[in-house]
N, C-alpha and C. Protein backbone atom coordinates (compact mmCIF):
# COMPACT_ATOMS: atom_id res chain seq x y z
N UNK A 1 0.96 -1.21 0.53
CA UNK A 1 0.38 -0.11 0.02
C UNK A 1 0.87 1.45 -0.09
N UNK A 2 0.22 2.32 -0.31
CA UNK A 2 1.46 3.78 -0.34
C UNK A 2 1.36 4.08 0.42
N UNK A 3 2.21 5.15 1.11
CA UNK A 3 2.21 6.03 2.00
C UNK A 3 1.31 6.87 2.44
N UNK A 4 0.14 7.56 0.78
CA UNK A 4 -0.91 8.20 1.54
C UNK A 4 -2.30 6.91 1.71
N UNK A 5 -2.32 5.72 1.03
CA UNK A 5 -3.07 4.96 1.84
C UNK A 5 -2.79 4.77 2.79
N UNK A 6 -1.40 4.32 3.59
CA UNK A 6 -1.44 4.10 4.63
C UNK A 6 -1.89 5.75 6.09
N UNK A 7 -2.14 6.93 4.93
CA UNK A 7 -2.26 7.69 5.85
C UNK A 7 -3.78 7.97 6.91
N UNK A 8 -4.61 7.83 4.85
CA UNK A 8 -5.50 8.12 5.12
C UNK A 8 -6.19 6.60 5.56
N UNK A 9 -5.56 5.58 6.28
CA UNK A 9 -6.24 4.59 7.09
C UNK A 9 -6.24 5.01 8.46
N UNK A 10 -5.26 5.43 8.47
CA UNK A 10 -4.94 5.63 10.02
C UNK A 10 -5.65 6.67 10.35
N UNK A 11 -6.02 7.86 9.59
CA UNK A 11 -6.65 8.57 9.96
C UNK A 11 -8.44 8.14 10.15
N UNK A 12 -8.88 7.75 9.34
CA UNK A 12 -9.70 6.79 9.30
C UNK A 12 -10.20 6.20 10.42
N UNK A 13 -9.15 5.03 10.82
CA UNK A 13 -9.91 4.51 11.80
C UNK A 13 -9.36 5.09 13.33
N UNK A 14 -8.39 5.97 13.25
CA UNK A 14 -8.27 6.56 14.43
C UNK A 14 -9.14 7.53 14.50
N UNK A 15 -9.27 8.07 13.54
CA UNK A 15 -11.03 8.77 14.09
C UNK A 15 -12.19 8.26 14.53
N UNK A 16 -12.68 7.14 13.73
CA UNK A 16 -13.39 6.14 14.25
C UNK A 16 -13.22 5.90 15.72
N UNK A 17 -12.22 4.85 16.19
CA UNK A 17 -11.85 5.04 17.08
C UNK A 17 -11.69 6.27 18.05
N UNK A 18 -11.44 7.23 18.45
CA UNK A 18 -11.83 8.01 18.92
C UNK A 18 -13.34 8.74 19.08
N UNK A 19 -13.77 8.99 18.22
CA UNK A 19 -15.09 9.18 18.05
C UNK A 19 -15.68 8.24 19.21
N UNK A 20 -15.68 6.40 18.85
CA UNK A 20 -16.17 6.21 19.87
C UNK A 20 -15.93 6.07 21.03
N UNK A 21 -14.28 6.42 21.43
CA UNK A 21 -13.94 6.17 23.01
C UNK A 21 -14.41 7.62 23.23
N UNK A 22 -15.26 8.68 23.08
CA UNK A 22 -15.24 9.51 23.04
C UNK A 22 -16.90 9.69 23.66
N UNK A 23 -17.74 8.69 22.60
CA UNK A 23 -18.95 8.22 23.05
C UNK A 23 -19.48 7.47 23.64
N UNK A 24 -18.73 6.91 24.37
CA UNK A 24 -18.61 5.80 25.40
C UNK A 24 -18.59 6.96 27.10
N UNK A 25 -17.42 7.42 26.96
CA UNK A 25 -17.06 8.22 27.92
C UNK A 25 -18.31 8.96 28.16
N UNK A 26 -18.43 9.80 27.12
CA UNK A 26 -19.95 11.02 27.89
C UNK A 26 -20.86 10.08 27.73
N UNK A 27 -21.09 8.46 27.52
CA UNK A 27 -22.57 8.73 28.63
C UNK A 27 -22.43 7.65 29.18
N UNK A 28 -21.07 6.69 29.69
CA UNK A 28 -20.74 5.99 30.96
C UNK A 28 -20.56 7.94 32.41
N UNK A 29 -19.89 8.84 31.53
CA UNK A 29 -19.31 9.28 33.24
C UNK A 29 -20.66 10.17 33.45
N UNK A 30 -21.77 10.48 32.38
CA UNK A 30 -22.97 11.90 32.79
C UNK A 30 -22.85 11.03 33.81
N UNK A 31 -23.21 12.84 35.20
CA UNK A 31 -23.73 12.78 36.33
C UNK A 31 -25.59 12.28 36.27
N UNK A 32 -25.96 11.62 37.05
CA UNK A 32 -27.40 12.08 37.07
C UNK A 32 -27.88 11.37 35.52
N UNK A 33 -27.32 10.77 34.55
CA UNK A 33 -28.66 10.45 33.69
C UNK A 33 -29.18 9.52 33.46
N UNK A 34 -29.18 8.49 34.92
CA UNK A 34 -30.40 7.06 35.17
C UNK A 34 -31.26 8.52 35.42
N UNK A 35 -31.53 9.91 35.40
CA UNK A 35 -33.06 9.96 36.65
C UNK A 35 -33.63 10.82 35.08
N UNK A 36 -32.75 11.07 34.17
CA UNK A 36 -33.31 11.33 32.54
C UNK A 36 -33.59 10.37 31.81
N UNK A 37 -33.81 9.26 32.06
CA UNK A 37 -34.62 8.02 31.48
C UNK A 37 -35.74 7.34 31.36
N UNK A 38 -36.52 7.64 30.16
CA UNK A 38 -37.88 7.44 30.26
C UNK A 38 -38.53 6.26 29.52
N UNK A 39 -39.86 5.51 29.67
CA UNK A 39 -39.46 4.32 29.16
C UNK A 39 -40.73 4.85 28.35
N UNK A 40 -40.97 4.52 27.43
CA UNK A 40 -43.13 4.48 26.88
C UNK A 40 -44.62 5.24 27.84
N UNK A 41 -44.36 4.21 29.06
CA UNK A 41 -45.04 4.60 29.71
C UNK A 41 -45.22 6.18 30.68
N UNK A 42 -44.34 6.40 30.79
CA UNK A 42 -43.94 7.84 31.24
C UNK A 42 -43.83 8.50 30.48
N UNK A 43 -43.89 8.41 29.15
CA UNK A 43 -44.03 9.84 28.20
C UNK A 43 -45.55 10.45 28.47
N UNK A 44 -46.32 11.47 27.92
CA UNK A 44 -47.63 12.33 27.41
C UNK A 44 -47.27 13.10 26.05
N UNK A 45 -48.31 12.17 25.52
CA UNK A 45 -48.43 13.15 23.87
C UNK A 45 -49.80 13.56 24.31
N UNK A 46 -49.82 15.23 23.37
CA UNK A 46 -50.76 15.47 23.50
C UNK A 46 -52.25 15.37 22.63
N UNK A 47 -51.51 14.12 22.11
CA UNK A 47 -53.25 13.16 21.34
C UNK A 47 -54.13 12.63 22.45
N UNK A 48 -53.09 12.25 23.48
CA UNK A 48 -53.31 11.83 25.03
C UNK A 48 -54.59 12.60 25.22
N UNK A 49 -54.65 13.70 25.41
CA UNK A 49 -55.67 14.81 26.32
C UNK A 49 -57.23 14.19 25.44
N UNK A 50 -57.09 14.31 24.71
CA UNK A 50 -58.48 14.21 23.43
C UNK A 50 -58.82 13.42 24.35
N UNK A 51 -60.69 13.84 24.13
CA UNK A 51 -61.78 12.61 24.28
C UNK A 51 -61.26 11.42 23.73
């Protein structure tokens, strides 16, 4: 493979891995995220008010 191909491959794989790591960090380290989780039973939509 050419040096340009290696650079593109390393940047793309590294970027995707860094994005995955950042997303996992944000999901696992956000304090109080348990209180923001809702199921379908907890949701109230405007069509539920109609008779």
